[in-house]
Amino acid sequence: MHAMLALRPLTALPRSFARGMSSGSNPIGFIGLGQMGSRMAENLVKAGHNVVAFDVNKEAVQKLVAAGGSSAESPKAVAAAARVVVTMLPSNPHVRSVYCGIDGILSEGGARDGALLIDCSTIEPGVAKEVSAAASARGATLVDAPVSGGTPGAEKATLTFMVGGPKDAFTDAEKILQAMGRKIVHCGDVGNFADLQSHHRNHSEAWVRQQSFATTWFWQSPWLL
């Protein structure tokens, strides 16, 4: 797994490129305007992109509109308006619903053939692969791009993105992610980084259980009674 991580040096996007990407014919969709998502979307606006957003929190949407973005009535409407869509959602059920639910990104009339979908949510690798397969069935490409850096990193556009997906899709996603982060790492296929996280988490939990058992055995040892 570690051999697949390839850190690429970042260069600033030319302003002419940013203007081209921000034209009315090339908006970027953003779904999920929570503590991190709202700041990430605002950084896209600051970089010159035309951002069309959706969130169940209407106040968060209005704040982005006041910052220069625009709004849509559903995830499907976002995907219909933008060939590139970024999602930043709380958990597995939210991702499934936003992508595959009623009026979701992948519902009829949503994402178009050739669309690029960038999911920055922290979810299980199986869910990332499931949604990626659903996207492929509609002619779209999904890359998963979980982030590190927290709210301060989202505020300052210094996040690290660990991206899984085809190389060409990674190259296209990188151009968008540069407006929100400092380091963008290609981790191979969709779900690879989440798989690695899951492995380390399970290993850590097993180690904690082992240490807990050893401690309990020690204090209950007949030699201490």
C-alpha atoms as a PDB file:
ATOM      1  CA  MET A   1       0.000   0.000   0.000  1.00  0.00           C
ATOM      2  CA  HIS A   2       2.712   2.474   0.981  1.00  0.00           C
ATOM      3  CA  ALA A   3       4.367   2.028  -2.395  1.00  0.00           C
ATOM      4  CA  MET A   4       1.282   3.429  -4.092  1.00  0.00           C
ATOM      5  CA  LEU A   5       1.375   6.752  -2.246  1.00  0.00           C
ATOM      6  CA  ALA A   6       2.812   9.360  -4.584  1.00  0.00           C
ATOM      7  CA  LEU A   7       3.041  12.892  -3.231  1.00  0.00           C
ATOM      8  CA  ARG A   8       3.073  15.421  -6.013  1.00  0.00           C
ATOM      9  CA  PRO A   9       4.450  18.932  -5.572  1.00  0.00           C
ATOM     10  CA  LEU A  10       1.794  21.589  -5.978  1.00  0.00           C
ATOM     11  CA  THR A  11       2.023  24.689  -8.087  1.00  0.00           C
ATOM     12  CA  ALA A  12      -0.352  27.618  -7.998  1.00  0.00           C
ATOM     13  CA  LEU A  13      -3.102  27.487 -10.600  1.00  0.00           C
ATOM     14  CA  PRO A  14      -2.842  30.249 -13.209  1.00  0.00           C
ATOM     15  CA  ARG A  15      -5.543  32.858 -12.699  1.00  0.00           C
ATOM     16  CA  SER A  16      -6.582  32.405 -16.335  1.00  0.00           C
ATOM     17  CA  PHE A  17      -7.227  28.705 -15.615  1.00  0.00           C
ATOM     18  CA  ALA A  18      -9.277  29.571 -12.524  1.00  0.00           C
ATOM     19  CA  ARG A  19     -11.351  32.047 -14.529  1.00  0.00           C
ATOM     20  CA  GLY A  20     -11.970  29.445 -17.211  1.00  0.00           C
ATOM     21  CA  MET A  21     -13.116  26.878 -14.656  1.00  0.00           C
ATOM     22  CA  SER A  22     -15.389  29.440 -13.005  1.00  0.00           C
ATOM     23  CA  SER A  23     -17.340  30.383 -16.121  1.00  0.00           C
ATOM     24  CA  GLY A  24     -21.077  29.802 -16.099  1.00  0.00           C
ATOM     25  CA  SER A  25     -20.649  26.707 -18.269  1.00  0.00           C
ATOM     26  CA  ASN A  26     -18.241  25.124 -15.775  1.00  0.00           C
ATOM     27  CA  PRO A  27     -19.653  25.468 -12.255  1.00  0.00           C
ATOM     28  CA  ILE A  28     -18.479  23.241  -9.421  1.00  0.00           C
ATOM     29  CA  GLY A  29     -21.127  21.611  -7.244  1.00  0.00           C
ATOM     30  CA  PHE A  30     -20.660  21.318  -3.500  1.00  0.00           C
ATOM     31  CA  ILE A  31     -22.879  19.309  -1.148  1.00  0.00           C
ATOM     32  CA  GLY A  32     -22.380  19.336   2.627  1.00  0.00           C
ATOM     33  CA  LEU A  33     -21.785  22.749   4.202  1.00  0.00           C
ATOM     34  CA  GLY A  34     -20.895  21.729   7.747  1.00  0.00           C
ATOM     35  CA  GLN A  35     -17.994  23.039   9.798  1.00  0.00           C
ATOM     36  CA  MET A  36     -15.433  21.907   7.232  1.00  0.00           C
ATOM     37  CA  GLY A  37     -17.515  21.793   4.063  1.00  0.00           C
ATOM     38  CA  SER A  38     -18.636  25.412   4.374  1.00  0.00           C
ATOM     39  CA  ARG A  39     -15.044  26.614   4.586  1.00  0.00           C
ATOM     40  CA  MET A  40     -13.936  24.371   1.742  1.00  0.00           C
ATOM     41  CA  ALA A  41     -16.716  25.695  -0.489  1.00  0.00           C
ATOM     42  CA  GLU A  42     -15.857  29.284   0.415  1.00  0.00           C
ATOM     43  CA  ASN A  43     -12.243  28.654  -0.589  1.00  0.00           C
ATOM     44  CA  LEU A  44     -13.423  27.439  -3.981  1.00  0.00           C
ATOM     45  CA  VAL A  45     -15.343  30.698  -4.373  1.00  0.00           C
ATOM     46  CA  LYS A  46     -12.271  32.697  -3.315  1.00  0.00           C
ATOM     47  CA  ALA A  47     -10.238  30.843  -5.960  1.00  0.00           C
ATOM     48  CA  GLY A  48     -12.616  32.145  -8.625  1.00  0.00           C
ATOM     49  CA  HIS A  49     -14.859  29.137  -9.086  1.00  0.00           C
ATOM     50  CA  ASN A  50     -18.599  29.369  -9.666  1.00  0.00           C
ATOM     51  CA  VAL A  51     -19.905  27.162  -6.830  1.00  0.00           C
ATOM     52  CA  VAL A  52     -23.465  25.830  -6.748  1.00  0.00           C
ATOM     53  CA  ALA A  53     -24.303  24.257  -3.404  1.00  0.00           C
ATOM     54  CA  PHE A  54     -26.854  22.255  -1.468  1.00  0.00           C
ATOM     55  CA  ASP A  55     -27.244  21.506   2.224  1.00  0.00           C
ATOM     56  CA  VAL A  56     -30.222  20.685   4.420  1.00  0.00           C
ATOM     57  CA  ASN A  57     -29.128  23.652   6.550  1.00  0.00           C
ATOM     58  CA  LYS A  58     -30.531  26.583   4.579  1.00  0.00           C
ATOM     59  CA  GLU A  59     -28.629  29.133   6.664  1.00  0.00           C
ATOM     60  CA  ALA A  60     -25.331  27.529   5.627  1.00  0.00           C
ATOM     61  CA  VAL A  61     -26.395  27.723   1.981  1.00  0.00           C
ATOM     62  CA  GLN A  62     -27.370  31.381   2.309  1.00  0.00           C
ATOM     63  CA  LYS A  63     -24.004  32.170   3.887  1.00  0.00           C
ATOM     64  CA  LEU A  64     -22.251  30.666   0.874  1.00  0.00           C
ATOM     65  CA  VAL A  65     -24.539  32.573  -1.490  1.00  0.00           C
ATOM     66  CA  ALA A  66     -23.610  35.787   0.346  1.00  0.00           C
ATOM     67  CA  ALA A  67     -19.934  34.881  -0.198  1.00  0.00           C
ATOM     68  CA  GLY A  68     -20.484  34.603  -3.956  1.00  0.00           C
ATOM     69  CA  GLY A  69     -21.848  31.094  -4.503  1.00  0.00           C
ATOM     70  CA  SER A  70     -25.270  29.965  -5.686  1.00  0.00           C
ATOM     71  CA  SER A  71     -27.792  27.426  -4.443  1.00  0.00           C
ATOM     72  CA  ALA A  72     -29.669  24.384  -5.735  1.00  0.00           C
ATOM     73  CA  GLU A  73     -32.734  22.628  -4.380  1.00  0.00           C
ATOM     74  CA  SER A  74     -31.356  19.074  -4.162  1.00  0.00           C
ATOM     75  CA  PRO A  75     -28.248  16.967  -4.767  1.00  0.00           C
ATOM     76  CA  LYS A  76     -29.739  16.013  -8.133  1.00  0.00           C
ATOM     77  CA  ALA A  77     -30.086  19.686  -9.058  1.00  0.00           C
ATOM     78  CA  VAL A  78     -26.448  20.304  -8.109  1.00  0.00           C
ATOM     79  CA  ALA A  79     -25.295  17.405 -10.310  1.00  0.00           C
ATOM     80  CA  ALA A  80     -27.482  18.592 -13.182  1.00  0.00           C
ATOM     81  CA  ALA A  81     -25.857  22.041 -13.004  1.00  0.00           C
ATOM     82  CA  ALA A  82     -22.217  21.006 -12.508  1.00  0.00           C
ATOM     83  CA  ARG A  83     -19.998  18.470 -14.249  1.00  0.00           C
ATOM     84  CA  VAL A  84     -17.749  18.387 -11.151  1.00  0.00           C
ATOM     85  CA  VAL A  85     -19.359  17.800  -7.734  1.00  0.00           C
ATOM     86  CA  VAL A  86     -17.601  17.772  -4.350  1.00  0.00           C
ATOM     87  CA  THR A  87     -19.283  16.181  -1.331  1.00  0.00           C
ATOM     88  CA  MET A  88     -18.330  16.547   2.334  1.00  0.00           C
ATOM     89  CA  LEU A  89     -20.782  14.521   4.401  1.00  0.00           C
ATOM     90  CA  PRO A  90     -20.910  13.202   7.988  1.00  0.00           C
ATOM     91  CA  SER A  91     -21.096   9.419   7.572  1.00  0.00           C
ATOM     92  CA  ASN A  92     -21.956   6.328   5.509  1.00  0.00           C
ATOM     93  CA  PRO A  93     -25.782   6.766   5.471  1.00  0.00           C
ATOM     94  CA  HIS A  94     -25.494  10.409   4.381  1.00  0.00           C
ATOM     95  CA  VAL A  95     -23.197   9.483   1.496  1.00  0.00           C
ATOM     96  CA  ARG A  96     -25.496   6.679   0.330  1.00  0.00           C
ATOM     97  CA  SER A  97     -28.529   8.967   0.518  1.00  0.00           C
ATOM     98  CA  VAL A  98     -26.943  11.953  -1.237  1.00  0.00           C
ATOM     99  CA  TYR A  99     -25.569   9.811  -4.062  1.00  0.00           C
ATOM    100  CA  CYS A 100     -28.102   7.005  -4.459  1.00  0.00           C
ATOM    101  CA  GLY A 101     -31.274   8.238  -2.740  1.00  0.00           C
ATOM    102  CA  ILE A 102     -34.343   9.995  -4.115  1.00  0.00           C
ATOM    103  CA  ASP A 103     -33.217  13.215  -5.838  1.00  0.00           C
ATOM    104  CA  GLY A 104     -29.644  12.054  -5.291  1.00  0.00           C
ATOM    105  CA  ILE A 105     -26.618  12.878  -7.409  1.00  0.00           C
ATOM    106  CA  LEU A 106     -26.949   9.616  -9.363  1.00  0.00           C
ATOM    107  CA  SER A 107     -30.718   9.709  -9.773  1.00  0.00           C
ATOM    108  CA  GLU A 108     -32.287  10.201 -13.201  1.00  0.00           C
ATOM    109  CA  GLY A 109     -31.655  13.773 -14.333  1.00  0.00           C
ATOM    110  CA  GLY A 110     -28.646  14.179 -12.022  1.00  0.00           C
ATOM    111  CA  ALA A 111     -25.006  13.457 -12.849  1.00  0.00           C
ATOM    112  CA  ARG A 112     -24.240  13.460 -16.552  1.00  0.00           C
ATOM    113  CA  ASP A 113     -22.049  11.119 -18.543  1.00  0.00           C
ATOM    114  CA  GLY A 114     -18.429  12.104 -17.924  1.00  0.00           C
ATOM    115  CA  ALA A 115     -19.124  13.807 -14.580  1.00  0.00           C
ATOM    116  CA  LEU A 116     -16.378  13.860 -11.953  1.00  0.00           C
ATOM    117  CA  LEU A 117     -17.555  13.251  -8.380  1.00  0.00           C
ATOM    118  CA  ILE A 118     -15.167  13.954  -5.490  1.00  0.00           C
ATOM    119  CA  ASP A 119     -16.252  12.575  -2.121  1.00  0.00           C
ATOM    120  CA  CYS A 120     -14.257  14.022   0.775  1.00  0.00           C
ATOM    121  CA  SER A 121     -16.317  12.294   3.474  1.00  0.00           C
ATOM    122  CA  THR A 122     -14.674   9.910   5.946  1.00  0.00           C
ATOM    123  CA  ILE A 123     -16.528   6.659   5.300  1.00  0.00           C
ATOM    124  CA  GLU A 124     -15.979   2.913   5.193  1.00  0.00           C
ATOM    125  CA  PRO A 125     -14.058   1.631   2.149  1.00  0.00           C
ATOM    126  CA  GLY A 126     -16.946  -0.635   1.181  1.00  0.00           C
ATOM    127  CA  VAL A 127     -19.292   2.335   0.923  1.00  0.00           C
ATOM    128  CA  ALA A 128     -16.792   4.281  -1.190  1.00  0.00           C
ATOM    129  CA  LYS A 129     -16.494   1.336  -3.586  1.00  0.00           C
ATOM    130  CA  GLU A 130     -20.261   0.833  -3.661  1.00  0.00           C
ATOM    131  CA  VAL A 131     -20.941   4.449  -4.593  1.00  0.00           C
ATOM    132  CA  SER A 132     -18.074   4.433  -7.095  1.00  0.00           C
ATOM    133  CA  ALA A 133     -19.639   1.447  -8.856  1.00  0.00           C
ATOM    134  CA  ALA A 134     -23.023   3.194  -8.925  1.00  0.00           C
ATOM    135  CA  ALA A 135     -21.370   6.269 -10.451  1.00  0.00           C
ATOM    136  CA  SER A 136     -19.650   4.174 -13.109  1.00  0.00           C
ATOM    137  CA  ALA A 137     -22.990   2.641 -14.045  1.00  0.00           C
ATOM    138  CA  ARG A 138     -24.204   6.134 -14.926  1.00  0.00           C
ATOM    139  CA  GLY A 139     -21.076   7.024 -16.884  1.00  0.00           C
ATOM    140  CA  ALA A 140     -19.610   9.187 -14.114  1.00  0.00           C
ATOM    141  CA  THR A 141     -16.344   8.750 -12.206  1.00  0.00           C
ATOM    142  CA  LEU A 142     -16.060   8.982  -8.428  1.00  0.00           C
ATOM    143  CA  VAL A 143     -12.841   9.499  -6.510  1.00  0.00           C
ATOM    144  CA  ASP A 144     -12.799   9.307  -2.736  1.00  0.00           C
ATOM    145  CA  ALA A 145     -10.681  12.004  -1.098  1.00  0.00           C
ATOM    146  CA  PRO A 146     -10.837  11.858   2.712  1.00  0.00           C
ATOM    147  CA  VAL A 147      -9.136  14.820   4.356  1.00  0.00           C
ATOM    148  CA  SER A 148      -6.963  15.613   7.339  1.00  0.00           C
ATOM    149  CA  GLY A 149      -6.315  19.009   8.844  1.00  0.00           C
ATOM    150  CA  GLY A 150      -9.589  19.673  10.632  1.00  0.00           C
ATOM    151  CA  THR A 151     -11.529  22.924  10.655  1.00  0.00           C
ATOM    152  CA  PRO A 152      -8.367  25.094  10.856  1.00  0.00           C
ATOM    153  CA  GLY A 153      -7.030  23.408   7.733  1.00  0.00           C
ATOM    154  CA  ALA A 154     -10.353  23.904   5.954  1.00  0.00           C
ATOM    155  CA  GLU A 155     -10.329  27.577   6.964  1.00  0.00           C
ATOM    156  CA  LYS A 156      -6.781  28.185   5.728  1.00  0.00           C
ATOM    157  CA  ALA A 157      -6.988  25.888   2.674  1.00  0.00           C
ATOM    158  CA  THR A 158      -4.139  23.733   4.030  1.00  0.00           C
ATOM    159  CA  LEU A 159      -5.924  20.374   4.083  1.00  0.00           C
ATOM    160  CA  THR A 160      -4.341  17.095   3.012  1.00  0.00           C
ATOM    161  CA  PHE A 161      -6.403  14.983   0.602  1.00  0.00           C
ATOM    162  CA  MET A 162      -5.801  11.234   0.241  1.00  0.00           C
ATOM    163  CA  VAL A 163      -7.344  10.465  -3.144  1.00  0.00           C
ATOM    164  CA  GLY A 164      -8.396   7.090  -4.512  1.00  0.00           C
ATOM    165  CA  GLY A 165      -9.430   6.583  -8.126  1.00  0.00           C
ATOM    166  CA  PRO A 166      -8.166   6.333 -11.707  1.00  0.00           C
ATOM    167  CA  LYS A 167      -5.025   8.321 -12.480  1.00  0.00           C
ATOM    168  CA  ASP A 168      -6.702  10.588 -15.032  1.00  0.00           C
ATOM    169  CA  ALA A 169      -9.564  11.316 -12.630  1.00  0.00           C
ATOM    170  CA  PHE A 170      -7.026  12.093  -9.904  1.00  0.00           C
ATOM    171  CA  THR A 171      -5.312  14.581 -12.216  1.00  0.00           C
ATOM    172  CA  ASP A 172      -8.629  16.334 -12.880  1.00  0.00           C
ATOM    173  CA  ALA A 173      -9.630  16.282  -9.202  1.00  0.00           C
ATOM    174  CA  GLU A 174      -6.259  17.666  -8.149  1.00  0.00           C
ATOM    175  CA  LYS A 175      -6.953  20.890 -10.074  1.00  0.00           C
ATOM    176  CA  ILE A 176     -10.051  21.421  -7.923  1.00  0.00           C
ATOM    177  CA  LEU A 177      -8.596  20.252  -4.618  1.00  0.00           C
ATOM    178  CA  GLN A 178      -5.653  22.649  -4.903  1.00  0.00           C
ATOM    179  CA  ALA A 179      -8.024  25.476  -3.990  1.00  0.00           C
ATOM    180  CA  MET A 180      -8.807  23.777  -0.670  1.00  0.00           C
ATOM    181  CA  GLY A 181      -5.615  22.021   0.369  1.00  0.00           C
ATOM    182  CA  ARG A 182      -1.843  22.029   0.434  1.00  0.00           C
ATOM    183  CA  LYS A 183      -1.077  18.320  -0.086  1.00  0.00           C
ATOM    184  CA  ILE A 184      -2.873  16.004  -2.472  1.00  0.00           C
ATOM    185  CA  VAL A 185      -1.785  12.364  -2.486  1.00  0.00           C
ATOM    186  CA  HIS A 186      -2.837   9.665  -4.949  1.00  0.00           C
ATOM    187  CA  CYS A 187      -3.471   6.428  -3.032  1.00  0.00           C
ATOM    188  CA  GLY A 188      -4.350   4.158  -5.925  1.00  0.00           C
ATOM    189  CA  ASP A 189      -7.855   2.752  -6.256  1.00  0.00           C
ATOM    190  CA  VAL A 190     -11.049   4.003  -4.623  1.00  0.00           C
ATOM    191  CA  GLY A 191     -11.173   3.002  -0.955  1.00  0.00           C
ATOM    192  CA  ASN A 192      -7.464   2.228  -0.631  1.00  0.00           C
ATOM    193  CA  PHE A 193      -6.725   4.848   2.014  1.00  0.00           C
ATOM    194  CA  ALA A 194      -9.906   3.999   3.909  1.00  0.00           C
ATOM    195  CA  ASP A 195      -8.829   0.338   3.827  1.00  0.00           C
ATOM    196  CA  LEU A 196      -5.475   1.328   5.303  1.00  0.00           C
ATOM    197  CA  GLN A 197      -7.159   3.408   8.009  1.00  0.00           C
ATOM    198  CA  SER A 198      -9.486   0.528   8.846  1.00  0.00           C
ATOM    199  CA  HIS A 199      -6.561  -1.888   9.106  1.00  0.00           C
ATOM    200  CA  HIS A 200      -4.655   0.388  11.475  1.00  0.00           C
ATOM    201  CA  ARG A 201      -7.792   1.071  13.528  1.00  0.00           C
ATOM    202  CA  ASN A 202      -8.534  -2.636  13.916  1.00  0.00           C
ATOM    203  CA  HIS A 203      -4.904  -3.330  14.807  1.00  0.00           C
ATOM    204  CA  SER A 204      -4.968  -0.578  17.442  1.00  0.00           C
ATOM    205  CA  GLU A 205      -8.218  -1.848  18.931  1.00  0.00           C
ATOM    206  CA  ALA A 206      -6.798  -5.374  19.126  1.00  0.00           C
ATOM    207  CA  TRP A 207      -3.693  -4.031  20.877  1.00  0.00           C
ATOM    208  CA  VAL A 208      -5.850  -2.130  23.413  1.00  0.00           C
ATOM    209  CA  ARG A 209      -7.900  -5.276  24.128  1.00  0.00           C
ATOM    210  CA  GLN A 210      -4.712  -7.280  24.568  1.00  0.00           C
ATOM    211  CA  GLN A 211      -3.249  -4.731  26.978  1.00  0.00           C
ATOM    212  CA  SER A 212      -6.523  -4.542  28.890  1.00  0.00           C
ATOM    213  CA  PHE A 213      -6.593  -8.328  29.279  1.00  0.00           C
ATOM    214  CA  ALA A 214      -2.970  -8.373  30.431  1.00  0.00           C
ATOM    215  CA  THR A 215      -3.607  -5.633  33.006  1.00  0.00           C
ATOM    216  CA  THR A 216      -6.704  -7.375  34.353  1.00  0.00           C
ATOM    217  CA  TRP A 217      -4.851 -10.710  34.604  1.00  0.00           C
ATOM    218  CA  PHE A 218      -1.972  -9.026  36.446  1.00  0.00           C
ATOM    219  CA  TRP A 219      -4.128  -7.378  39.112  1.00  0.00           C
ATOM    220  CA  GLN A 220      -6.169 -10.564  39.605  1.00  0.00           C
ATOM    221  CA  SER A 221      -3.078 -12.732  39.785  1.00  0.00           C
ATOM    222  CA  PRO A 222      -2.972 -15.021  42.845  1.00  0.00           C
ATOM    223  CA  TRP A 223       0.530 -13.744  43.558  1.00  0.00           C
ATOM    224  CA  LEU A 224      -0.956 -10.324  44.404  1.00  0.00           C
ATOM    225  CA  LEU A 225      -3.726 -11.710  46.622  1.00  0.00           C
END
